[in-house]
Amino acid sequence: MSNSFFYFSLAIGVALGAWGSYLTEQKNRSRQLGFLLGFFFGIIGILIIVLLINKKPRS
């Protein structure tokens, strides 16, 4: 495996993790959950986040 492929894959994982973090924050869930789902599961993780039900905000 070349170094450029590794860095490209890592950049895609971080980008999907950031996107997942943003989406879970919009659904009133933890950002860590969104980052982990996006980073480790990629597009499938993003689809899981999209299908999550919105959590009611704490009063």
PDB file of N, CA and C in Angstrom:
ATOM      1  N   MET A   1       0.857  -1.168   0.000  1.00  0.00           N
ATOM      2  CA  MET A   1       0.000   0.000   0.000  1.00  0.00           C
ATOM      3  C   MET A   1       0.903   1.230   0.000  1.00  0.00           C
ATOM      4  N   SER A   2       0.602   2.138  -0.880  1.00  0.00           N
ATOM      5  CA  SER A   2       1.420   3.347  -0.958  1.00  0.00           C
ATOM      6  C   SER A   2       0.968   4.358   0.098  1.00  0.00           C
ATOM      7  N   ASN A   3       1.859   5.264   0.425  1.00  0.00           N
ATOM      8  CA  ASN A   3       1.557   6.271   1.432  1.00  0.00           C
ATOM      9  C   ASN A   3       0.431   7.198   0.998  1.00  0.00           C
ATOM     10  N   SER A   4       0.374   7.511  -0.285  1.00  0.00           N
ATOM     11  CA  SER A   4      -0.666   8.438  -0.744  1.00  0.00           C
ATOM     12  C   SER A   4      -2.059   7.822  -0.595  1.00  0.00           C
ATOM     13  N   PHE A   5      -2.190   6.528  -0.859  1.00  0.00           N
ATOM     14  CA  PHE A   5      -3.486   5.871  -0.681  1.00  0.00           C
ATOM     15  C   PHE A   5      -3.891   5.861   0.787  1.00  0.00           C
ATOM     16  N   PHE A   6      -2.939   5.617   1.675  1.00  0.00           N
ATOM     17  CA  PHE A   6      -3.220   5.616   3.109  1.00  0.00           C
ATOM     18  C   PHE A   6      -3.698   6.990   3.574  1.00  0.00           C
ATOM     19  N   TYR A   7      -2.998   8.039   3.161  1.00  0.00           N
ATOM     20  CA  TYR A   7      -3.381   9.394   3.573  1.00  0.00           C
ATOM     21  C   TYR A   7      -4.719   9.807   2.972  1.00  0.00           C
ATOM     22  N   PHE A   8      -4.979   9.396   1.745  1.00  0.00           N
ATOM     23  CA  PHE A   8      -6.264   9.684   1.111  1.00  0.00           C
ATOM     24  C   PHE A   8      -7.399   8.994   1.863  1.00  0.00           C
ATOM     25  N   SER A   9      -7.212   7.726   2.216  1.00  0.00           N
ATOM     26  CA  SER A   9      -8.233   6.977   2.960  1.00  0.00           C
ATOM     27  C   SER A   9      -8.463   7.586   4.336  1.00  0.00           C
ATOM     28  N   LEU A  10      -7.400   8.012   4.980  1.00  0.00           N
ATOM     29  CA  LEU A  10      -7.515   8.651   6.284  1.00  0.00           C
ATOM     30  C   LEU A  10      -8.266   9.971   6.180  1.00  0.00           C
ATOM     31  N   ALA A  11      -7.995  10.742   5.135  1.00  0.00           N
ATOM     32  CA  ALA A  11      -8.689  12.016   4.931  1.00  0.00           C
ATOM     33  C   ALA A  11     -10.173  11.797   4.672  1.00  0.00           C
ATOM     34  N   ILE A  12     -10.513  10.787   3.888  1.00  0.00           N
ATOM     35  CA  ILE A  12     -11.926  10.474   3.629  1.00  0.00           C
ATOM     36  C   ILE A  12     -12.608  10.049   4.922  1.00  0.00           C
ATOM     37  N   GLY A  13     -11.934   9.228   5.735  1.00  0.00           N
ATOM     38  CA  GLY A  13     -12.504   8.796   7.015  1.00  0.00           C
ATOM     39  C   GLY A  13     -12.753   9.965   7.955  1.00  0.00           C
ATOM     40  N   VAL A  14     -11.811  10.886   8.028  1.00  0.00           N
ATOM     41  CA  VAL A  14     -11.972  12.058   8.897  1.00  0.00           C
ATOM     42  C   VAL A  14     -13.093  12.954   8.379  1.00  0.00           C
ATOM     43  N   ALA A  15     -13.188  13.110   7.062  1.00  0.00           N
ATOM     44  CA  ALA A  15     -14.250  13.934   6.486  1.00  0.00           C
ATOM     45  C   ALA A  15     -15.631  13.327   6.765  1.00  0.00           C
ATOM     46  N   LEU A  16     -15.761  12.017   6.600  1.00  0.00           N
ATOM     47  CA  LEU A  16     -17.037  11.366   6.883  1.00  0.00           C
ATOM     48  C   LEU A  16     -17.349  11.399   8.380  1.00  0.00           C
ATOM     49  N   GLY A  17     -16.313  11.315   9.199  1.00  0.00           N
ATOM     50  CA  GLY A  17     -16.510  11.432  10.640  1.00  0.00           C
ATOM     51  C   GLY A  17     -16.996  12.817  11.027  1.00  0.00           C
ATOM     52  N   ALA A  18     -16.429  13.841  10.411  1.00  0.00           N
ATOM     53  CA  ALA A  18     -16.869  15.212  10.693  1.00  0.00           C
ATOM     54  C   ALA A  18     -18.301  15.434  10.234  1.00  0.00           C
ATOM     55  N   TRP A  19     -18.649  14.886   9.093  1.00  0.00           N
ATOM     56  CA  TRP A  19     -20.015  15.006   8.589  1.00  0.00           C
ATOM     57  C   TRP A  19     -20.994  14.267   9.518  1.00  0.00           C
ATOM     58  N   GLY A  20     -20.611  13.088   9.965  1.00  0.00           N
ATOM     59  CA  GLY A  20     -21.443  12.341  10.909  1.00  0.00           C
ATOM     60  C   GLY A  20     -21.593  13.078  12.231  1.00  0.00           C
ATOM     61  N   SER A  21     -20.534  13.716  12.676  1.00  0.00           N
ATOM     62  CA  SER A  21     -20.582  14.501  13.905  1.00  0.00           C
ATOM     63  C   SER A  21     -21.568  15.648  13.769  1.00  0.00           C
ATOM     64  N   TYR A  22     -21.527  16.329  12.640  1.00  0.00           N
ATOM     65  CA  TYR A  22     -22.456  17.433  12.383  1.00  0.00           C
ATOM     66  C   TYR A  22     -23.903  16.943  12.351  1.00  0.00           C
ATOM     67  N   LEU A  23     -24.135  15.817  11.680  1.00  0.00           N
ATOM     68  CA  LEU A  23     -25.507  15.301  11.567  1.00  0.00           C
ATOM     69  C   LEU A  23     -26.071  14.869  12.918  1.00  0.00           C
ATOM     70  N   THR A  24     -25.263  14.221  13.742  1.00  0.00           N
ATOM     71  CA  THR A  24     -25.773  13.798  15.048  1.00  0.00           C
ATOM     72  C   THR A  24     -26.007  14.989  15.968  1.00  0.00           C
ATOM     73  N   GLU A  25     -25.215  16.037  15.816  1.00  0.00           N
ATOM     74  CA  GLU A  25     -25.446  17.241  16.616  1.00  0.00           C
ATOM     75  C   GLU A  25     -26.792  17.874  16.235  1.00  0.00           C
ATOM     76  N   GLN A  26     -27.149  17.821  14.965  1.00  0.00           N
ATOM     77  CA  GLN A  26     -28.435  18.348  14.519  1.00  0.00           C
ATOM     78  C   GLN A  26     -29.600  17.523  15.062  1.00  0.00           C
ATOM     79  N   LYS A  27     -29.350  16.267  15.377  1.00  0.00           N
ATOM     80  CA  LYS A  27     -30.386  15.386  15.917  1.00  0.00           C
ATOM     81  C   LYS A  27     -30.334  15.297  17.443  1.00  0.00           C
ATOM     82  N   ASN A  28     -29.606  16.220  18.079  1.00  0.00           N
ATOM     83  CA  ASN A  28     -29.485  16.297  19.539  1.00  0.00           C
ATOM     84  C   ASN A  28     -28.894  15.021  20.141  1.00  0.00           C
ATOM     85  N   ARG A  29     -27.888  14.482  19.482  1.00  0.00           N
ATOM     86  CA  ARG A  29     -27.162  13.316  19.991  1.00  0.00           C
ATOM     87  C   ARG A  29     -25.693  13.687  20.122  1.00  0.00           C
ATOM     88  N   SER A  30     -24.893  12.791  20.699  1.00  0.00           N
ATOM     89  CA  SER A  30     -23.493  13.116  20.953  1.00  0.00           C
ATOM     90  C   SER A  30     -22.688  13.168  19.653  1.00  0.00           C
ATOM     91  N   ARG A  31     -21.786  14.124  19.590  1.00  0.00           N
ATOM     92  CA  ARG A  31     -20.931  14.272  18.419  1.00  0.00           C
ATOM     93  C   ARG A  31     -19.959  13.109  18.286  1.00  0.00           C
ATOM     94  N   GLN A  32     -19.546  12.533  19.420  1.00  0.00           N
ATOM     95  CA  GLN A  32     -18.609  11.409  19.380  1.00  0.00           C
ATOM     96  C   GLN A  32     -19.215  10.206  18.668  1.00  0.00           C
ATOM     97  N   LEU A  33     -20.492   9.948  18.928  1.00  0.00           N
ATOM     98  CA  LEU A  33     -21.188   8.848  18.258  1.00  0.00           C
ATOM     99  C   LEU A  33     -21.174   9.047  16.749  1.00  0.00           C
ATOM    100  N   GLY A  34     -21.483  10.251  16.314  1.00  0.00           N
ATOM    101  CA  GLY A  34     -21.511  10.539  14.887  1.00  0.00           C
ATOM    102  C   GLY A  34     -20.150  10.412  14.237  1.00  0.00           C
ATOM    103  N   PHE A  35     -19.111  10.893  14.934  1.00  0.00           N
ATOM    104  CA  PHE A  35     -17.770  10.786  14.364  1.00  0.00           C
ATOM    105  C   PHE A  35     -17.349   9.332  14.224  1.00  0.00           C
ATOM    106  N   LEU A  36     -17.606   8.546  15.258  1.00  0.00           N
ATOM    107  CA  LEU A  36     -17.202   7.134  15.205  1.00  0.00           C
ATOM    108  C   LEU A  36     -17.954   6.364  14.123  1.00  0.00           C
ATOM    109  N   LEU A  37     -19.253   6.611  14.004  1.00  0.00           N
ATOM    110  CA  LEU A  37     -20.021   5.929  12.958  1.00  0.00           C
ATOM    111  C   LEU A  37     -19.534   6.340  11.573  1.00  0.00           C
ATOM    112  N   GLY A  38     -19.305   7.629  11.368  1.00  0.00           N
ATOM    113  CA  GLY A  38     -18.842   8.099  10.070  1.00  0.00           C
ATOM    114  C   GLY A  38     -17.438   7.625   9.743  1.00  0.00           C
ATOM    115  N   PHE A  39     -16.548   7.642  10.720  1.00  0.00           N
ATOM    116  CA  PHE A  39     -15.153   7.271  10.472  1.00  0.00           C
ATOM    117  C   PHE A  39     -15.012   5.778  10.191  1.00  0.00           C
ATOM    118  N   PHE A  40     -15.631   4.944  11.029  1.00  0.00           N
ATOM    119  CA  PHE A  40     -15.424   3.507  10.893  1.00  0.00           C
ATOM    120  C   PHE A  40     -16.332   2.835   9.864  1.00  0.00           C
ATOM    121  N   PHE A  41     -17.547   3.365   9.659  1.00  0.00           N
ATOM    122  CA  PHE A  41     -18.483   2.709   8.746  1.00  0.00           C
ATOM    123  C   PHE A  41     -18.725   3.477   7.461  1.00  0.00           C
ATOM    124  N   GLY A  42     -18.174   4.681   7.335  1.00  0.00           N
ATOM    125  CA  GLY A  42     -18.258   5.440   6.090  1.00  0.00           C
ATOM    126  C   GLY A  42     -19.677   5.822   5.722  1.00  0.00           C
ATOM    127  N   ILE A  43     -20.012   5.614   4.459  1.00  0.00           N
ATOM    128  CA  ILE A  43     -21.323   5.999   3.943  1.00  0.00           C
ATOM    129  C   ILE A  43     -22.434   5.237   4.651  1.00  0.00           C
ATOM    130  N   ILE A  44     -22.209   3.989   5.002  1.00  0.00           N
ATOM    131  CA  ILE A  44     -23.224   3.219   5.728  1.00  0.00           C
ATOM    132  C   ILE A  44     -23.476   3.843   7.100  1.00  0.00           C
ATOM    133  N   GLY A  45     -22.428   4.314   7.762  1.00  0.00           N
ATOM    134  CA  GLY A  45     -22.589   5.007   9.038  1.00  0.00           C
ATOM    135  C   GLY A  45     -23.387   6.288   8.895  1.00  0.00           C
ATOM    136  N   ILE A  46     -23.157   7.023   7.804  1.00  0.00           N
ATOM    137  CA  ILE A  46     -23.923   8.247   7.550  1.00  0.00           C
ATOM    138  C   ILE A  46     -25.396   7.906   7.336  1.00  0.00           C
ATOM    139  N   LEU A  47     -25.671   6.838   6.620  1.00  0.00           N
ATOM    140  CA  LEU A  47     -27.067   6.421   6.411  1.00  0.00           C
ATOM    141  C   LEU A  47     -27.730   6.027   7.732  1.00  0.00           C
ATOM    142  N   ILE A  48     -26.990   5.370   8.616  1.00  0.00           N
ATOM    143  CA  ILE A  48     -27.528   5.015   9.923  1.00  0.00           C
ATOM    144  C   ILE A  48     -27.883   6.279  10.701  1.00  0.00           C
ATOM    145  N   ILE A  49     -27.016   7.279  10.650  1.00  0.00           N
ATOM    146  CA  ILE A  49     -27.268   8.534  11.361  1.00  0.00           C
ATOM    147  C   ILE A  49     -28.495   9.235  10.798  1.00  0.00           C
ATOM    148  N   VAL A  50     -28.638   9.235   9.476  1.00  0.00           N
ATOM    149  CA  VAL A  50     -29.789   9.882   8.855  1.00  0.00           C
ATOM    150  C   VAL A  50     -31.087   9.208   9.290  1.00  0.00           C
ATOM    151  N   LEU A  51     -31.052   7.898   9.490  1.00  0.00           N
ATOM    152  CA  LEU A  51     -32.253   7.169   9.872  1.00  0.00           C
ATOM    153  C   LEU A  51     -32.568   7.240  11.366  1.00  0.00           C
ATOM    154  N   LEU A  52     -31.644   7.776  12.171  1.00  0.00           N
ATOM    155  CA  LEU A  52     -31.900   7.910  13.609  1.00  0.00           C
ATOM    156  C   LEU A  52     -33.038   8.895  13.862  1.00  0.00           C
ATOM    157  N   ILE A  53     -33.815   8.598  14.871  1.00  0.00           N
ATOM    158  CA  ILE A  53     -34.904   9.495  15.261  1.00  0.00           C
ATOM    159  C   ILE A  53     -34.319  10.644  16.067  1.00  0.00           C
ATOM    160  N   ASN A  54     -34.871  11.834  15.869  1.00  0.00           N
ATOM    161  CA  ASN A  54     -34.414  12.991  16.643  1.00  0.00           C
ATOM    162  C   ASN A  54     -34.673  12.766  18.124  1.00  0.00           C
ATOM    163  N   LYS A  55     -33.681  13.121  18.935  1.00  0.00           N
ATOM    164  CA  LYS A  55     -33.798  13.001  20.375  1.00  0.00           C
ATOM    165  C   LYS A  55     -34.301  14.332  20.924  1.00  0.00           C
ATOM    166  N   LYS A  56     -35.236  14.272  21.876  1.00  0.00           N
ATOM    167  CA  LYS A  56     -35.767  15.502  22.443  1.00  0.00           C
ATOM    168  C   LYS A  56     -34.688  16.199  23.263  1.00  0.00           C
ATOM    169  N   PRO A  57     -34.562  17.524  23.121  1.00  0.00           N
ATOM    170  CA  PRO A  57     -33.557  18.248  23.916  1.00  0.00           C
ATOM    171  C   PRO A  57     -33.907  18.247  25.393  1.00  0.00           C
ATOM    172  N   ARG A  58     -32.871  18.264  26.225  1.00  0.00           N
ATOM    173  CA  ARG A  58     -33.083  18.316  27.668  1.00  0.00           C
ATOM    174  C   ARG A  58     -33.529  19.710  28.067  1.00  0.00           C
ATOM    175  N   SER A  59     -34.435  19.798  29.024  1.00  0.00           N
ATOM    176  CA  SER A  59     -34.921  21.111  29.474  1.00  0.00           C
ATOM    177  C   SER A  59     -34.021  21.692  30.520  1.00  0.00           C
TER     178      SER A  59
END
